[in-house]
Amino acid sequence: MYADKERTQLLRLFTADSKIQKVKQATRPGGNKMKIKKDINGQRFGKLTAIEPTKQDKKRNTYWLCECDCGNRVERKLNDLTHGYTKSCGCLRKKKPTTHGKSANGENYERWKAMKKRCLNPNDRYFHRYGGRGIRIFNEWVNDFDAFDKYVSSLPHHNEPGYTIDRINNDGNYEPGNLRWATLSEQARNGGLTHENHKRENHLLHH
């Protein structure tokens, strides 16, 4: 009788373990099993909600099917989701400021676009001074203009005549704590920018 109880307990343990393993695995196309490093089903990442794992690439990166708040469904890499590199199906990149033209918001929008071009586009004429030498953008600002606008608008001298956005540490990133509004002379002392450089480049973002 004792042996029967022991077999029953072992059977229960085996059944429970099997259920746990099923939760940690998903089926690849063709019926093969793939091990899931992290179960994020139902978790939110910005505007995205993870639904289910879909595939793994040759480097064993897991991709998840996600639904965006706007209704679109997209596949995103697990690491990109958990590290904050992606927060929408792409609809955040299409957001426009609520005001345009000569308004402070509109000018900040142009600064935001210029910042992204110089840091992210290798074909930009000034990329070698920014992205080409490792200058990066704070993750939350890459696809969200409103977050960038809210921060720079809170800094002293926001959009005052003669002041533009400047990085405090010329070798640092575009990120909270490293931006300020500064005059051209202050920027020249900070990073060697001359008035002639400013006139030649004719841009809103100097550093």
N, C-alpha and C. Protein backbone atom coordinates (compact mmCIF):
# COMPACT_ATOMS: atom_id res chain seq x y z
N MET A 1 0.83 -1.21 0.00
CA MET A 1 0.00 0.00 0.00
C MET A 1 0.86 1.26 0.00
N TYR A 2 1.97 1.20 0.76
CA TYR A 2 2.89 2.33 0.79
C TYR A 2 3.47 2.60 -0.59
N ALA A 3 3.79 1.52 -1.32
CA ALA A 3 4.34 1.66 -2.67
C ALA A 3 3.32 2.34 -3.59
N ASP A 4 2.04 1.99 -3.43
CA ASP A 4 1.00 2.63 -4.27
C ASP A 4 0.91 4.12 -4.00
N LYS A 5 0.99 4.55 -2.73
CA LYS A 5 0.95 5.97 -2.40
C LYS A 5 2.15 6.70 -2.98
N GLU A 6 3.32 6.05 -2.91
CA GLU A 6 4.53 6.67 -3.44
C GLU A 6 4.43 6.86 -4.94
N ARG A 7 3.88 5.83 -5.64
CA ARG A 7 3.71 5.94 -7.10
C ARG A 7 2.73 7.06 -7.44
N THR A 8 1.68 7.20 -6.64
CA THR A 8 0.67 8.26 -6.88
C THR A 8 1.29 9.64 -6.73
N GLN A 9 2.12 9.80 -5.67
CA GLN A 9 2.77 11.09 -5.46
C GLN A 9 3.73 11.42 -6.59
N LEU A 10 4.49 10.42 -7.03
CA LEU A 10 5.43 10.63 -8.13
C LEU A 10 4.69 11.01 -9.41
N LEU A 11 3.54 10.37 -9.65
CA LEU A 11 2.75 10.66 -10.82
C LEU A 11 2.24 12.10 -10.79
N ARG A 12 1.79 12.55 -9.60
CA ARG A 12 1.32 13.92 -9.47
C ARG A 12 2.44 14.92 -9.73
N LEU A 13 3.62 14.64 -9.18
CA LEU A 13 4.77 15.53 -9.38
C LEU A 13 5.15 15.60 -10.86
N PHE A 14 5.13 14.44 -11.52
CA PHE A 14 5.47 14.39 -12.94
C PHE A 14 4.46 15.19 -13.76
N THR A 15 3.17 15.05 -13.44
CA THR A 15 2.12 15.78 -14.16
C THR A 15 2.26 17.27 -13.97
N ALA A 16 2.53 17.72 -12.74
CA ALA A 16 2.70 19.15 -12.47
C ALA A 16 3.89 19.70 -13.21
N ASP A 17 5.00 18.93 -13.21
CA ASP A 17 6.20 19.39 -13.91
C ASP A 17 5.95 19.51 -15.40
N SER A 18 5.19 18.58 -15.96
CA SER A 18 4.87 18.62 -17.39
C SER A 18 4.08 19.87 -17.74
N LYS A 19 3.15 20.24 -16.86
CA LYS A 19 2.35 21.44 -17.11
C LYS A 19 3.22 22.69 -17.09
N ILE A 20 4.17 22.73 -16.14
CA ILE A 20 5.08 23.88 -16.07
C ILE A 20 5.91 23.99 -17.34
N GLN A 21 6.42 22.85 -17.84
CA GLN A 21 7.23 22.86 -19.04
C GLN A 21 6.45 23.32 -20.26
N LYS A 22 5.17 22.97 -20.30
CA LYS A 22 4.34 23.40 -21.43
C LYS A 22 4.17 24.91 -21.46
N VAL A 23 4.11 25.51 -20.27
CA VAL A 23 3.99 26.96 -20.20
C VAL A 23 5.26 27.62 -20.72
N LYS A 24 6.41 27.00 -20.47
CA LYS A 24 7.68 27.58 -20.84
C LYS A 24 8.08 27.28 -22.28
N GLN A 25 7.29 26.52 -23.01
CA GLN A 25 7.62 26.16 -24.37
C GLN A 25 6.53 26.60 -25.33
N ALA A 26 6.92 26.86 -26.56
CA ALA A 26 5.97 27.18 -27.62
C ALA A 26 6.33 26.34 -28.83
N THR A 27 5.42 26.23 -29.75
CA THR A 27 5.65 25.38 -30.90
C THR A 27 6.15 26.18 -32.09
N ARG A 28 7.27 25.78 -32.65
CA ARG A 28 7.79 26.38 -33.86
C ARG A 28 7.02 25.84 -35.06
N PRO A 29 7.08 26.57 -36.22
CA PRO A 29 6.53 26.00 -37.44
C PRO A 29 7.18 24.66 -37.74
N GLY A 30 6.41 23.63 -38.00
CA GLY A 30 6.94 22.30 -38.25
C GLY A 30 6.79 21.39 -37.06
N GLY A 31 6.30 21.95 -35.93
CA GLY A 31 6.03 21.11 -34.78
C GLY A 31 7.15 21.01 -33.77
N ASN A 32 8.33 21.64 -34.04
CA ASN A 32 9.43 21.57 -33.10
C ASN A 32 9.17 22.48 -31.92
N LYS A 33 9.74 22.13 -30.77
CA LYS A 33 9.57 22.93 -29.57
C LYS A 33 10.68 23.96 -29.47
N MET A 34 10.33 25.17 -28.99
CA MET A 34 11.37 26.16 -28.71
C MET A 34 11.22 26.59 -27.25
N LYS A 35 12.34 26.71 -26.57
CA LYS A 35 12.31 27.09 -25.17
C LYS A 35 12.20 28.61 -25.05
N ILE A 36 11.29 29.05 -24.20
CA ILE A 36 11.06 30.47 -23.99
C ILE A 36 11.85 30.92 -22.76
N LYS A 37 12.78 31.86 -22.96
CA LYS A 37 13.60 32.33 -21.84
C LYS A 37 12.76 33.06 -20.80
N LYS A 38 11.78 33.83 -21.28
CA LYS A 38 10.97 34.64 -20.37
C LYS A 38 9.55 34.72 -20.88
N ASP A 39 8.61 34.40 -20.03
CA ASP A 39 7.20 34.46 -20.41
C ASP A 39 6.66 35.86 -20.13
N ILE A 40 6.35 36.63 -21.20
CA ILE A 40 5.86 38.00 -21.03
C ILE A 40 4.41 38.12 -21.49
N ASN A 41 3.73 37.00 -21.62
CA ASN A 41 2.35 37.01 -22.08
C ASN A 41 1.49 37.94 -21.23
N GLY A 42 0.81 38.89 -21.88
CA GLY A 42 -0.07 39.81 -21.18
C GLY A 42 0.61 41.06 -20.65
N GLN A 43 1.95 41.09 -20.69
CA GLN A 43 2.66 42.27 -20.17
C GLN A 43 2.64 43.40 -21.20
N ARG A 44 2.67 44.64 -20.68
CA ARG A 44 2.65 45.83 -21.55
C ARG A 44 4.04 46.44 -21.65
N PHE A 45 4.36 46.90 -22.85
CA PHE A 45 5.63 47.58 -23.11
C PHE A 45 5.28 48.83 -23.93
N GLY A 46 5.12 49.95 -23.25
CA GLY A 46 4.65 51.15 -23.94
C GLY A 46 3.22 50.97 -24.39
N LYS A 47 3.01 51.03 -25.71
CA LYS A 47 1.67 50.84 -26.27
C LYS A 47 1.42 49.40 -26.69
N LEU A 48 2.41 48.52 -26.50
CA LEU A 48 2.32 47.13 -26.96
C LEU A 48 1.96 46.18 -25.81
N THR A 49 1.10 45.20 -26.12
CA THR A 49 0.78 44.13 -25.19
C THR A 49 1.20 42.81 -25.80
N ALA A 50 2.05 42.06 -25.10
CA ALA A 50 2.55 40.78 -25.62
C ALA A 50 1.44 39.74 -25.60
N ILE A 51 1.31 39.00 -26.72
CA ILE A 51 0.26 37.99 -26.84
C ILE A 51 0.83 36.58 -26.78
N GLU A 52 1.79 36.28 -27.67
CA GLU A 52 2.35 34.93 -27.69
C GLU A 52 3.67 34.93 -28.45
N PRO A 53 4.58 34.00 -28.12
CA PRO A 53 5.83 33.87 -28.87
C PRO A 53 5.54 33.25 -30.23
N THR A 54 6.27 33.70 -31.24
CA THR A 54 6.01 33.22 -32.60
C THR A 54 7.17 32.46 -33.22
N LYS A 55 8.40 32.87 -32.92
CA LYS A 55 9.54 32.21 -33.58
C LYS A 55 10.83 32.56 -32.85
N GLN A 56 11.88 31.85 -33.23
CA GLN A 56 13.23 32.17 -32.78
C GLN A 56 14.14 32.22 -34.00
N ASP A 57 15.07 33.19 -34.03
CA ASP A 57 16.00 33.26 -35.15
C ASP A 57 17.22 32.39 -34.87
N LYS A 58 18.20 32.46 -35.76
CA LYS A 58 19.38 31.60 -35.63
C LYS A 58 20.18 31.89 -34.37
N LYS A 59 20.05 33.12 -33.86
CA LYS A 59 20.76 33.48 -32.63
C LYS A 59 19.92 33.21 -31.39
N ARG A 60 18.79 32.51 -31.58
CA ARG A 60 17.89 32.11 -30.51
C ARG A 60 17.20 33.31 -29.85
N ASN A 61 17.07 34.40 -30.61
CA ASN A 61 16.26 35.52 -30.16
C ASN A 61 14.79 35.18 -30.36
N THR A 62 14.00 35.36 -29.32
CA THR A 62 12.58 35.04 -29.39
C THR A 62 11.77 36.25 -29.82
N TYR A 63 10.85 36.02 -30.75
CA TYR A 63 9.95 37.08 -31.21
C TYR A 63 8.55 36.84 -30.65
N TRP A 64 7.89 37.95 -30.28
CA TRP A 64 6.55 37.88 -29.72
C TRP A 64 5.56 38.64 -30.58
N LEU A 65 4.38 38.05 -30.73
CA LEU A 65 3.28 38.76 -31.37
C LEU A 65 2.70 39.73 -30.35
N CYS A 66 2.59 40.99 -30.74
CA CYS A 66 2.10 42.02 -29.83
C CYS A 66 0.96 42.80 -30.48
N GLU A 67 0.06 43.27 -29.64
CA GLU A 67 -1.02 44.12 -30.13
C GLU A 67 -0.81 45.54 -29.60
N CYS A 68 -0.83 46.50 -30.53
CA CYS A 68 -0.64 47.90 -30.18
C CYS A 68 -1.97 48.51 -29.76
N ASP A 69 -1.90 49.56 -28.97
CA ASP A 69 -3.12 50.24 -28.54
C ASP A 69 -3.91 50.78 -29.72
N CYS A 70 -3.23 51.02 -30.84
CA CYS A 70 -3.92 51.54 -32.02
C CYS A 70 -4.65 50.44 -32.79
N GLY A 71 -4.42 49.16 -32.40
CA GLY A 71 -5.11 48.05 -33.04
C GLY A 71 -4.24 47.18 -33.92
N ASN A 72 -3.09 47.66 -34.33
CA ASN A 72 -2.19 46.88 -35.18
C ASN A 72 -1.51 45.76 -34.39
N ARG A 73 -1.22 44.66 -35.09
CA ARG A 73 -0.48 43.56 -34.49
C ARG A 73 0.86 43.43 -35.20
N VAL A 74 1.91 43.30 -34.41
CA VAL A 74 3.27 43.23 -34.96
C VAL A 74 4.08 42.21 -34.19
N GLU A 75 5.17 41.74 -34.81
CA GLU A 75 6.13 40.87 -34.13
C GLU A 75 7.30 41.72 -33.67
N ARG A 76 7.70 41.53 -32.43
CA ARG A 76 8.82 42.27 -31.88
C ARG A 76 9.74 41.34 -31.11
N LYS A 77 11.04 41.62 -31.15
CA LYS A 77 12.04 40.81 -30.45
C LYS A 77 11.91 41.02 -28.94
N LEU A 78 12.04 39.92 -28.19
CA LEU A 78 11.90 39.96 -26.74
C LEU A 78 12.83 41.01 -26.11
N ASN A 79 14.10 41.01 -26.51
CA ASN A 79 15.05 41.95 -25.92
C ASN A 79 14.68 43.40 -26.22
N ASP A 80 14.15 43.65 -27.42
CA ASP A 80 13.75 45.02 -27.76
C ASP A 80 12.59 45.49 -26.89
N LEU A 81 11.72 44.56 -26.54
CA LEU A 81 10.58 44.91 -25.68
C LEU A 81 11.03 45.16 -24.25
N THR A 82 11.81 44.23 -23.71
CA THR A 82 12.18 44.31 -22.29
C THR A 82 13.18 45.42 -22.01
N HIS A 83 13.96 45.83 -23.03
CA HIS A 83 14.93 46.90 -22.84
C HIS A 83 14.40 48.28 -23.26
N GLY A 84 13.14 48.32 -23.70
CA GLY A 84 12.53 49.60 -24.04
C GLY A 84 12.90 50.16 -25.40
N TYR A 85 13.49 49.31 -26.28
CA TYR A 85 13.89 49.79 -27.59
C TYR A 85 12.70 49.97 -28.53
N THR A 86 11.60 49.27 -28.26
CA THR A 86 10.40 49.42 -29.07
C THR A 86 9.20 49.52 -28.15
N LYS A 87 8.31 50.47 -28.45
CA LYS A 87 7.17 50.72 -27.56
C LYS A 87 5.86 50.85 -28.31
N SER A 88 5.90 50.63 -29.64
CA SER A 88 4.66 50.72 -30.43
C SER A 88 4.85 49.97 -31.72
N CYS A 89 3.79 49.92 -32.52
CA CYS A 89 3.88 49.28 -33.83
C CYS A 89 4.57 50.19 -34.84
N GLY A 90 4.87 51.38 -34.43
CA GLY A 90 5.43 52.40 -35.31
C GLY A 90 4.59 53.66 -35.32
N CYS A 91 3.41 53.58 -34.70
CA CYS A 91 2.51 54.73 -34.73
C CYS A 91 3.05 55.90 -33.93
N LEU A 92 3.92 55.65 -32.93
CA LEU A 92 4.49 56.76 -32.17
C LEU A 92 5.36 57.64 -33.05
N ARG A 93 6.00 57.03 -34.05
CA ARG A 93 6.85 57.82 -34.95
C ARG A 93 6.04 58.76 -35.82
N LYS A 94 4.74 58.48 -35.93
CA LYS A 94 3.89 59.31 -36.78
C LYS A 94 3.24 60.45 -36.02
N LYS A 95 3.49 60.49 -34.69
CA LYS A 95 2.86 61.54 -33.89
C LYS A 95 3.40 62.90 -34.29
N LYS A 96 2.54 63.89 -34.32
CA LYS A 96 2.90 65.25 -34.65
C LYS A 96 2.62 66.13 -33.44
N PRO A 97 3.36 67.22 -33.31
CA PRO A 97 3.06 68.14 -32.21
C PRO A 97 1.72 68.80 -32.42
N THR A 98 1.13 69.24 -31.32
CA THR A 98 -0.20 69.83 -31.40
C THR A 98 -0.18 71.23 -31.98
N THR A 99 0.98 71.89 -31.94
CA THR A 99 1.11 73.21 -32.55
C THR A 99 2.31 73.23 -33.46
N HIS A 100 2.32 74.13 -34.43
CA HIS A 100 3.37 74.12 -35.45
C HIS A 100 3.91 75.53 -35.66
N GLY A 101 4.48 75.75 -36.85
CA GLY A 101 4.92 77.08 -37.24
C GLY A 101 5.99 77.62 -36.33
N LYS A 102 5.79 78.86 -35.86
CA LYS A 102 6.78 79.54 -35.05
C LYS A 102 6.58 79.30 -33.56
N SER A 103 5.65 78.47 -33.19
CA SER A 103 5.42 78.21 -31.77
C SER A 103 6.60 77.48 -31.17
N ALA A 104 6.73 77.56 -29.84
CA ALA A 104 7.82 76.86 -29.17
C ALA A 104 7.73 75.37 -29.43
N ASN A 105 6.53 74.81 -29.41
CA ASN A 105 6.34 73.39 -29.62
C ASN A 105 6.80 73.00 -31.02
N GLY A 106 6.44 73.81 -32.01
CA GLY A 106 6.83 73.53 -33.38
C GLY A 106 8.33 73.58 -33.58
N GLU A 107 8.99 74.53 -32.94
CA GLU A 107 10.45 74.63 -33.06
C GLU A 107 11.13 73.46 -32.35
N ASN A 108 10.57 73.04 -31.23
CA ASN A 108 11.12 71.87 -30.54
C ASN A 108 10.96 70.62 -31.40
N TYR A 109 9.89 70.55 -32.17
CA TYR A 109 9.68 69.41 -33.05
C TYR A 109 10.77 69.35 -34.12
N GLU A 110 11.14 70.51 -34.66
CA GLU A 110 12.23 70.55 -35.65
C GLU A 110 13.55 70.17 -35.00
N ARG A 111 13.77 70.59 -33.78
CA ARG A 111 14.99 70.21 -33.06
C ARG A 111 15.02 68.69 -32.84
N TRP A 112 13.88 68.14 -32.48
CA TRP A 112 13.77 66.70 -32.25
C TRP A 112 14.10 65.92 -33.52
N LYS A 113 13.55 66.36 -34.65
CA LYS A 113 13.84 65.70 -35.93
C LYS A 113 15.32 65.82 -36.29
N ALA A 114 15.89 67.01 -36.08
CA ALA A 114 17.31 67.20 -36.40
C ALA A 114 18.19 66.33 -35.52
N MET A 115 17.85 66.23 -34.24
CA MET A 115 18.60 65.38 -33.31
C MET A 115 18.60 63.93 -33.78
N LYS A 116 17.44 63.42 -34.18
CA LYS A 116 17.33 62.04 -34.64
C LYS A 116 18.12 61.80 -35.93
N LYS A 117 18.04 62.75 -36.85
CA LYS A 117 18.77 62.60 -38.12
C LYS A 117 20.27 62.50 -37.86
N ARG A 118 20.80 63.35 -37.03
CA ARG A 118 22.24 63.40 -36.81
C ARG A 118 22.76 62.21 -36.00
N CYS A 119 21.88 61.64 -35.19
CA CYS A 119 22.32 60.51 -34.37
C CYS A 119 22.01 59.16 -34.99
N LEU A 120 20.98 59.09 -35.85
CA LEU A 120 20.49 57.80 -36.33
C LEU A 120 20.65 57.57 -37.83
N ASN A 121 20.87 58.63 -38.60
CA ASN A 121 20.93 58.48 -40.05
C ASN A 121 22.37 58.64 -40.55
N PRO A 122 23.02 57.53 -40.93
CA PRO A 122 24.41 57.61 -41.41
C PRO A 122 24.57 58.48 -42.66
N ASN A 123 23.48 58.73 -43.37
CA ASN A 123 23.56 59.55 -44.58
C ASN A 123 23.45 61.04 -44.29
N ASP A 124 23.19 61.41 -43.05
CA ASP A 124 23.10 62.83 -42.71
C ASP A 124 24.49 63.45 -42.75
N ARG A 125 24.58 64.69 -43.22
CA ARG A 125 25.88 65.33 -43.41
C ARG A 125 26.63 65.57 -42.10
N TYR A 126 25.90 65.57 -40.98
CA TYR A 126 26.54 65.81 -39.69
C TYR A 126 26.62 64.55 -38.82
N PHE A 127 26.31 63.39 -39.41
CA PHE A 127 26.30 62.15 -38.65
C PHE A 127 27.66 61.87 -38.00
N HIS A 128 28.75 62.22 -38.67
CA HIS A 128 30.08 61.93 -38.14
C HIS A 128 30.35 62.67 -36.83
N ARG A 129 29.63 63.76 -36.59
CA ARG A 129 29.82 64.54 -35.36
C ARG A 129 28.91 64.05 -34.22
N TYR A 130 27.96 63.20 -34.55
CA TYR A 130 26.97 62.76 -33.56
C TYR A 130 26.93 61.24 -33.48
N GLY A 131 26.01 60.61 -34.21
CA GLY A 131 25.91 59.16 -34.16
C GLY A 131 27.19 58.46 -34.53
N GLY A 132 27.96 59.06 -35.45
CA GLY A 132 29.21 58.45 -35.90
C GLY A 132 30.27 58.36 -34.83
N ARG A 133 30.15 59.19 -33.82
CA ARG A 133 31.12 59.10 -32.72
C ARG A 133 30.48 58.62 -31.42
N GLY A 134 29.33 57.96 -31.56
CA GLY A 134 28.74 57.28 -30.43
C GLY A 134 27.71 58.05 -29.63
N ILE A 135 27.29 59.22 -30.12
CA ILE A 135 26.27 60.00 -29.40
C ILE A 135 24.92 59.32 -29.60
N ARG A 136 24.23 59.01 -28.53
CA ARG A 136 22.95 58.31 -28.58
C ARG A 136 21.82 59.19 -28.02
N ILE A 137 20.59 58.72 -28.23
CA ILE A 137 19.40 59.44 -27.76
C ILE A 137 18.71 58.61 -26.68
N PHE A 138 18.27 59.26 -25.64
CA PHE A 138 17.50 58.62 -24.58
C PHE A 138 16.34 57.83 -25.20
N ASN A 139 16.21 56.55 -24.81
CA ASN A 139 15.26 55.64 -25.47
C ASN A 139 13.85 56.21 -25.55
N GLU A 140 13.37 56.82 -24.47
CA GLU A 140 12.00 57.30 -24.45
C GLU A 140 11.76 58.46 -25.41
N TRP A 141 12.84 59.10 -25.85
CA TRP A 141 12.70 60.24 -26.77
C TRP A 141 12.75 59.84 -28.24
N VAL A 142 13.26 58.66 -28.53
CA VAL A 142 13.48 58.29 -29.93
C VAL A 142 12.19 58.32 -30.73
N ASN A 143 11.12 57.76 -30.19
CA ASN A 143 9.85 57.69 -30.92
C ASN A 143 8.73 58.49 -30.27
N ASP A 144 9.07 59.28 -29.27
CA ASP A 144 8.02 60.02 -28.55
C ASP A 144 8.42 61.49 -28.45
N PHE A 145 7.95 62.30 -29.40
CA PHE A 145 8.26 63.73 -29.37
C PHE A 145 7.74 64.39 -28.11
N ASP A 146 6.55 64.03 -27.66
CA ASP A 146 5.95 64.67 -26.50
C ASP A 146 6.83 64.55 -25.26
N ALA A 147 7.47 63.38 -25.08
CA ALA A 147 8.36 63.17 -23.93
C ALA A 147 9.57 64.09 -24.02
N PHE A 148 10.15 64.20 -25.23
CA PHE A 148 11.28 65.11 -25.45
C PHE A 148 10.87 66.56 -25.21
N ASP A 149 9.73 66.94 -25.78
CA ASP A 149 9.24 68.31 -25.67
C ASP A 149 8.96 68.68 -24.21
N LYS A 150 8.37 67.77 -23.48
CA LYS A 150 8.05 68.03 -22.07
C LYS A 150 9.32 68.30 -21.27
N TYR A 151 10.38 67.53 -21.55
CA TYR A 151 11.60 67.70 -20.78
C TYR A 151 12.30 69.01 -21.13
N VAL A 152 12.55 69.26 -22.42
CA VAL A 152 13.31 70.46 -22.79
C VAL A 152 12.54 71.73 -22.47
N SER A 153 11.21 71.65 -22.47
CA SER A 153 10.40 72.82 -22.15
C SER A 153 10.46 73.18 -20.67
N SER A 154 10.88 72.21 -19.85
CA SER A 154 10.95 72.44 -18.40
C SER A 154 12.29 73.05 -17.98
N LEU A 155 13.25 73.13 -18.90
CA LEU A 155 14.58 73.61 -18.56
C LEU A 155 14.63 75.14 -18.57
N PRO A 156 15.50 75.73 -17.74
CA PRO A 156 15.65 77.20 -17.73
C PRO A 156 16.04 77.73 -19.11
N HIS A 157 15.56 78.93 -19.43
CA HIS A 157 15.84 79.64 -20.69
C HIS A 157 15.21 78.98 -21.91
N HIS A 158 14.18 78.13 -21.67
CA HIS A 158 13.51 77.47 -22.78
C HIS A 158 13.04 78.48 -23.82
N ASN A 159 13.58 78.34 -25.03
CA ASN A 159 13.18 79.14 -26.19
C ASN A 159 13.32 80.65 -25.99
N GLU A 160 14.16 81.06 -25.08
CA GLU A 160 14.45 82.49 -24.96
C GLU A 160 15.33 82.92 -26.13
N PRO A 161 15.22 84.16 -26.58
CA PRO A 161 16.04 84.63 -27.71
C PRO A 161 17.53 84.42 -27.44
N GLY A 162 18.23 83.86 -28.40
CA GLY A 162 19.66 83.63 -28.27
C GLY A 162 20.05 82.32 -27.63
N TYR A 163 19.06 81.52 -27.19
CA TYR A 163 19.36 80.25 -26.55
C TYR A 163 18.90 79.09 -27.42
N THR A 164 19.72 78.06 -27.50
CA THR A 164 19.37 76.83 -28.19
C THR A 164 19.80 75.63 -27.36
N ILE A 165 19.35 74.44 -27.78
CA ILE A 165 19.66 73.21 -27.04
C ILE A 165 21.15 72.89 -27.13
N ASP A 166 21.72 72.50 -26.00
CA ASP A 166 23.14 72.17 -25.92
C ASP A 166 23.33 70.98 -25.00
N ARG A 167 24.28 70.10 -25.33
CA ARG A 167 24.64 69.01 -24.42
C ARG A 167 25.71 69.51 -23.45
N ILE A 168 25.47 69.34 -22.16
CA ILE A 168 26.40 69.81 -21.13
C ILE A 168 27.75 69.13 -21.28
N ASN A 169 27.72 67.81 -21.42
CA ASN A 169 28.93 67.04 -21.72
C ASN A 169 28.94 66.79 -23.22
N ASN A 170 29.85 67.43 -23.92
CA ASN A 170 29.88 67.35 -25.38
C ASN A 170 30.08 65.94 -25.90
N ASP A 171 30.60 65.05 -25.05
CA ASP A 171 30.80 63.66 -25.45
C ASP A 171 29.68 62.76 -24.92
N GLY A 172 28.70 63.37 -24.24
CA GLY A 172 27.60 62.60 -23.67
C GLY A 172 26.41 62.51 -24.62
N ASN A 173 25.40 61.80 -24.20
CA ASN A 173 24.23 61.54 -25.03
C ASN A 173 23.17 62.63 -24.88
N TYR A 174 22.18 62.57 -25.76
CA TYR A 174 20.97 63.37 -25.59
C TYR A 174 20.11 62.63 -24.58
N GLU A 175 20.15 63.07 -23.33
CA GLU A 175 19.45 62.37 -22.28
C GLU A 175 19.18 63.32 -21.12
N PRO A 176 18.23 62.97 -20.25
CA PRO A 176 17.94 63.81 -19.08
C PRO A 176 19.21 64.06 -18.27
N GLY A 177 19.41 65.30 -17.85
CA GLY A 177 20.57 65.65 -17.06
C GLY A 177 21.74 66.13 -17.88
N ASN A 178 21.69 65.94 -19.21
CA ASN A 178 22.80 66.37 -20.05
C ASN A 178 22.39 67.41 -21.09
N LEU A 179 21.20 67.98 -20.94
CA LEU A 179 20.75 69.01 -21.86
C LEU A 179 20.51 70.32 -21.12
N ARG A 180 20.72 71.41 -21.82
CA ARG A 180 20.45 72.74 -21.28
C ARG A 180 20.17 73.68 -22.45
N TRP A 181 19.61 74.83 -22.16
CA TRP A 181 19.50 75.90 -23.13
C TRP A 181 20.68 76.84 -22.91
N ALA A 182 21.47 77.07 -23.97
CA ALA A 182 22.68 77.86 -23.83
C ALA A 182 22.84 78.81 -25.02
N THR A 183 23.63 79.86 -24.81
CA THR A 183 23.93 80.80 -25.88
C THR A 183 25.04 80.23 -26.76
N LEU A 184 25.27 80.84 -27.91
CA LEU A 184 26.32 80.38 -28.81
C LEU A 184 27.70 80.48 -28.16
N SER A 185 27.94 81.54 -27.43
CA SER A 185 29.25 81.69 -26.78
C SER A 185 29.46 80.62 -25.72
N GLU A 186 28.39 80.27 -24.98
CA GLU A 186 28.48 79.21 -23.98
C GLU A 186 28.75 77.87 -24.65
N GLN A 187 28.12 77.64 -25.77
CA GLN A 187 28.32 76.38 -26.49
C GLN A 187 29.72 76.31 -27.08
N ALA A 188 30.24 77.44 -27.54
CA ALA A 188 31.59 77.45 -28.10
C ALA A 188 32.62 77.10 -27.03
N ARG A 189 32.41 77.62 -25.82
CA ARG A 189 33.33 77.29 -24.72
C ARG A 189 33.19 75.82 -24.31
N ASN A 190 32.00 75.28 -24.48
CA ASN A 190 31.73 73.91 -24.06
C ASN A 190 32.30 72.88 -25.03
N GLY A 191 32.13 73.14 -26.34
CA GLY A 191 32.54 72.11 -27.29
C GLY A 191 33.30 72.59 -28.50
N GLY A 192 33.70 73.86 -28.50
CA GLY A 192 34.51 74.33 -29.61
C GLY A 192 33.73 74.78 -30.81
N LEU A 193 32.43 74.99 -30.70
CA LEU A 193 31.63 75.44 -31.82
C LEU A 193 31.85 76.93 -32.03
N THR A 194 32.18 77.33 -33.24
CA THR A 194 32.40 78.74 -33.52
C THR A 194 31.18 79.35 -34.17
N HIS A 195 31.14 80.68 -34.17
CA HIS A 195 30.00 81.36 -34.79
C HIS A 195 29.95 81.06 -36.28
N GLU A 196 31.13 80.89 -36.91
CA GLU A 196 31.15 80.57 -38.34
C GLU A 196 30.57 79.18 -38.58
N ASN A 197 30.86 78.24 -37.70
CA ASN A 197 30.26 76.91 -37.83
C ASN A 197 28.75 77.00 -37.76
N HIS A 198 28.25 77.81 -36.83
CA HIS A 198 26.81 77.97 -36.68
C HIS A 198 26.19 78.52 -37.95
N LYS A 199 26.80 79.54 -38.54
CA LYS A 199 26.26 80.13 -39.76
C LYS A 199 26.33 79.16 -40.92
N ARG A 200 27.40 78.38 -41.00
CA ARG A 200 27.55 77.46 -42.13
C ARG A 200 26.57 76.31 -42.03
N GLU A 201 26.41 75.74 -40.87
CA GLU A 201 25.53 74.58 -40.73
C GLU A 201 24.07 74.98 -40.69
N ASN A 202 23.78 76.18 -40.15
CA ASN A 202 22.42 76.72 -40.15
C ASN A 202 21.42 75.71 -39.61
N HIS A 203 21.66 75.25 -38.38
CA HIS A 203 20.73 74.30 -37.78
C HIS A 203 20.31 74.74 -36.39
N LEU A 204 19.29 74.10 -35.87
CA LEU A 204 18.75 74.45 -34.56
C LEU A 204 19.49 73.77 -33.43
N LEU A 205 19.97 72.55 -33.68
CA LEU A 205 20.70 71.80 -32.65
C LEU A 205 22.17 71.98 -32.90
N HIS A 206 22.88 72.51 -31.91
CA HIS A 206 24.31 72.76 -32.10
C HIS A 206 25.16 71.64 -31.54
N HIS A 207 24.70 71.01 -30.49
CA HIS A 207 25.49 69.92 -29.88
C HIS A 207 24.59 68.78 -29.53
